[in-house]
């Protein structure tokens, strides 16, 4: 049965790898999921448009930040839209600890988002969210 099961060291290494991956991901409690939550941020929040991503920010009165990602079909087909969402999610997971708490944040992907480097997207997202939160 060699090759069918991992040795114990392999299981332990895989478990450690998965916990590191889960720490980078955003928990489900921190995401906007319902349409009315997104609409509230769109209509009442502040907006800043850049060439990479559109950022909406609204104070939520909670002791944590919540965020959401949207893409339209104008961005591209499903593969391109999913890549844009992955880039935004990875960038947000890196900047989320440096942001003030108590805000709902929505990022709207643009056509250029999927083709940009994640470091550029991270820089733009951090700049835009901080600018909107300070107003």
Protein backbone atom coordinates (compact mmCIF):
# COMPACT_ATOMS: atom_id res chain seq x y z
CA UNK A 1 0.00 0.00 0.00
CA UNK A 2 2.88 2.35 -0.53
CA UNK A 3 1.76 5.57 -2.18
CA UNK A 4 -1.85 5.11 -1.16
CA UNK A 5 -1.52 6.59 2.32
CA UNK A 6 0.74 9.35 3.58
CA UNK A 7 3.17 8.63 6.36
CA UNK A 8 2.45 10.42 9.63
CA UNK A 9 5.07 13.10 8.91
CA UNK A 10 3.37 13.89 5.62
CA UNK A 11 -0.01 14.23 7.32
CA UNK A 12 1.45 16.56 9.94
CA UNK A 13 3.14 18.69 7.28
CA UNK A 14 -0.08 18.86 5.27
CA UNK A 15 -2.05 19.85 8.39
CA UNK A 16 0.44 22.66 9.17
CA UNK A 17 0.26 23.86 5.59
CA UNK A 18 -3.53 23.97 5.67
CA UNK A 19 -3.62 25.96 8.92
CA UNK A 20 -1.24 28.52 7.42
CA UNK A 21 -3.48 28.78 4.36
CA UNK A 22 -6.58 29.24 6.54
CA UNK A 23 -4.91 32.08 8.45
CA UNK A 24 -4.40 33.97 5.18
CA UNK A 25 -8.02 33.53 4.14
CA UNK A 26 -10.78 35.82 5.32
CA UNK A 27 -13.28 34.20 7.65
CA UNK A 28 -16.90 33.89 6.65
CA UNK A 29 -18.02 36.17 9.49
CA UNK A 30 -16.05 39.03 7.94
CA UNK A 31 -17.75 38.95 4.53
CA UNK A 32 -20.86 40.66 3.18
CA UNK A 33 -23.15 38.01 1.77
CA UNK A 34 -26.61 39.44 1.30
CA UNK A 35 -27.68 41.72 -1.52
CA UNK A 36 -29.17 44.28 0.89
CA UNK A 37 -25.79 44.61 2.65
CA UNK A 38 -24.09 45.39 -0.66
CA UNK A 39 -26.83 47.84 -1.69
CA UNK A 40 -26.57 49.66 1.64
CA UNK A 41 -22.84 50.20 1.11
CA UNK A 42 -23.39 51.28 -2.52
CA UNK A 43 -26.07 53.86 -1.73
CA UNK A 44 -24.90 55.25 1.61
CA UNK A 45 -21.15 54.72 1.46
CA UNK A 46 -18.30 56.76 0.08
CA UNK A 47 -16.77 55.72 -3.22
CA UNK A 48 -13.35 56.07 -4.79
CA UNK A 49 -12.70 54.94 -8.36
CA UNK A 50 -9.27 53.89 -9.59
CA UNK A 51 -8.12 52.13 -12.73
CA UNK A 52 -7.70 48.83 -10.90
CA UNK A 53 -10.57 48.63 -8.42
CA UNK A 54 -13.60 50.63 -7.26
CA UNK A 55 -13.79 50.94 -3.47
CA UNK A 56 -16.92 51.62 -1.40
CA UNK A 57 -16.65 52.23 2.36
CA UNK A 58 -19.39 52.69 4.97
CA UNK A 59 -19.20 52.74 8.77
CA UNK A 60 -21.01 49.68 10.18
CA UNK A 61 -21.01 50.24 13.95
CA UNK A 62 -19.44 46.85 14.66
CA UNK A 63 -16.07 46.06 16.19
CA UNK A 64 -14.83 44.42 13.02
CA UNK A 65 -14.53 45.12 9.33
CA UNK A 66 -16.65 43.28 6.80
CA UNK A 67 -15.88 43.19 3.11
CA UNK A 68 -17.36 42.04 -0.16
CA UNK A 69 -16.17 41.59 -3.73
CA UNK A 70 -18.22 42.01 -6.88
CA UNK A 71 -17.42 41.61 -10.54
CA UNK A 72 -19.62 42.15 -13.53
CA UNK A 73 -19.69 40.24 -16.78
CA UNK A 74 -18.00 43.23 -18.41
CA UNK A 75 -14.78 42.13 -16.67
CA UNK A 76 -14.64 38.94 -18.72
CA UNK A 77 -15.68 35.34 -18.69
CA UNK A 78 -15.87 33.25 -15.52
CA UNK A 79 -12.18 32.39 -15.41
CA UNK A 80 -11.17 36.05 -15.62
CA UNK A 81 -13.78 37.14 -13.06
CA UNK A 82 -12.65 34.46 -10.62
CA UNK A 83 -9.02 35.47 -11.05
CA UNK A 84 -9.92 39.10 -10.35
CA UNK A 85 -11.76 38.05 -7.18
CA UNK A 86 -8.79 35.91 -6.07
CA UNK A 87 -6.38 38.81 -6.57
CA UNK A 88 -8.62 41.17 -4.57
CA UNK A 89 -9.14 38.62 -1.79
CA UNK A 90 -5.40 37.93 -1.49
CA UNK A 91 -4.61 41.65 -1.39
CA UNK A 92 -7.28 42.30 1.24
CA UNK A 93 -6.06 39.46 3.46
CA UNK A 94 -2.65 41.18 3.56
CA UNK A 95 -3.94 44.69 4.36
CA UNK A 96 -6.88 43.89 6.66
CA UNK A 97 -4.86 44.10 9.89
CA UNK A 98 -3.63 47.61 9.09
CA UNK A 99 -7.10 49.12 8.64
CA UNK A 100 -9.23 50.83 11.29
CA UNK A 101 -12.17 48.69 12.44
CA UNK A 102 -15.89 49.34 12.13
CA UNK A 103 -16.37 49.58 8.37
CA UNK A 104 -18.09 47.71 5.55
CA UNK A 105 -15.88 47.66 2.46
CA UNK A 106 -16.91 46.59 -1.03
CA UNK A 107 -14.41 46.17 -3.85
CA UNK A 108 -15.62 46.10 -7.44
CA UNK A 109 -13.23 44.52 -9.91
CA UNK A 110 -12.48 46.28 -13.16
CA UNK A 111 -11.16 44.89 -16.45
CA UNK A 112 -7.54 45.58 -15.47
CA UNK A 113 -7.78 43.84 -12.08
CA UNK A 114 -7.17 40.30 -13.35
CA UNK A 115 -4.07 41.38 -15.31
CA UNK A 116 -2.46 43.49 -12.57
CA UNK A 117 0.10 42.22 -10.10
CA UNK A 118 -1.30 41.60 -6.64
CA UNK A 119 1.21 44.03 -5.11
CA UNK A 120 -0.18 46.87 -7.23
CA UNK A 121 -3.75 45.92 -6.34
CA UNK A 122 -2.78 45.78 -2.66
CA UNK A 123 -1.21 49.25 -2.83
CA UNK A 124 -4.28 50.76 -4.54
CA UNK A 125 -6.71 49.07 -2.16
CA UNK A 126 -4.81 50.22 0.93
CA UNK A 127 -4.51 53.78 -0.35
CA UNK A 128 -8.18 54.02 -1.33
CA UNK A 129 -9.64 52.45 1.81
CA UNK A 130 -7.54 54.60 4.14
CA UNK A 131 -8.46 57.72 2.18
CA UNK A 132 -12.17 56.92 2.40
CA UNK A 133 -12.04 55.98 6.09
CA UNK A 134 -10.36 59.25 7.05
CA UNK A 135 -13.07 61.43 5.48
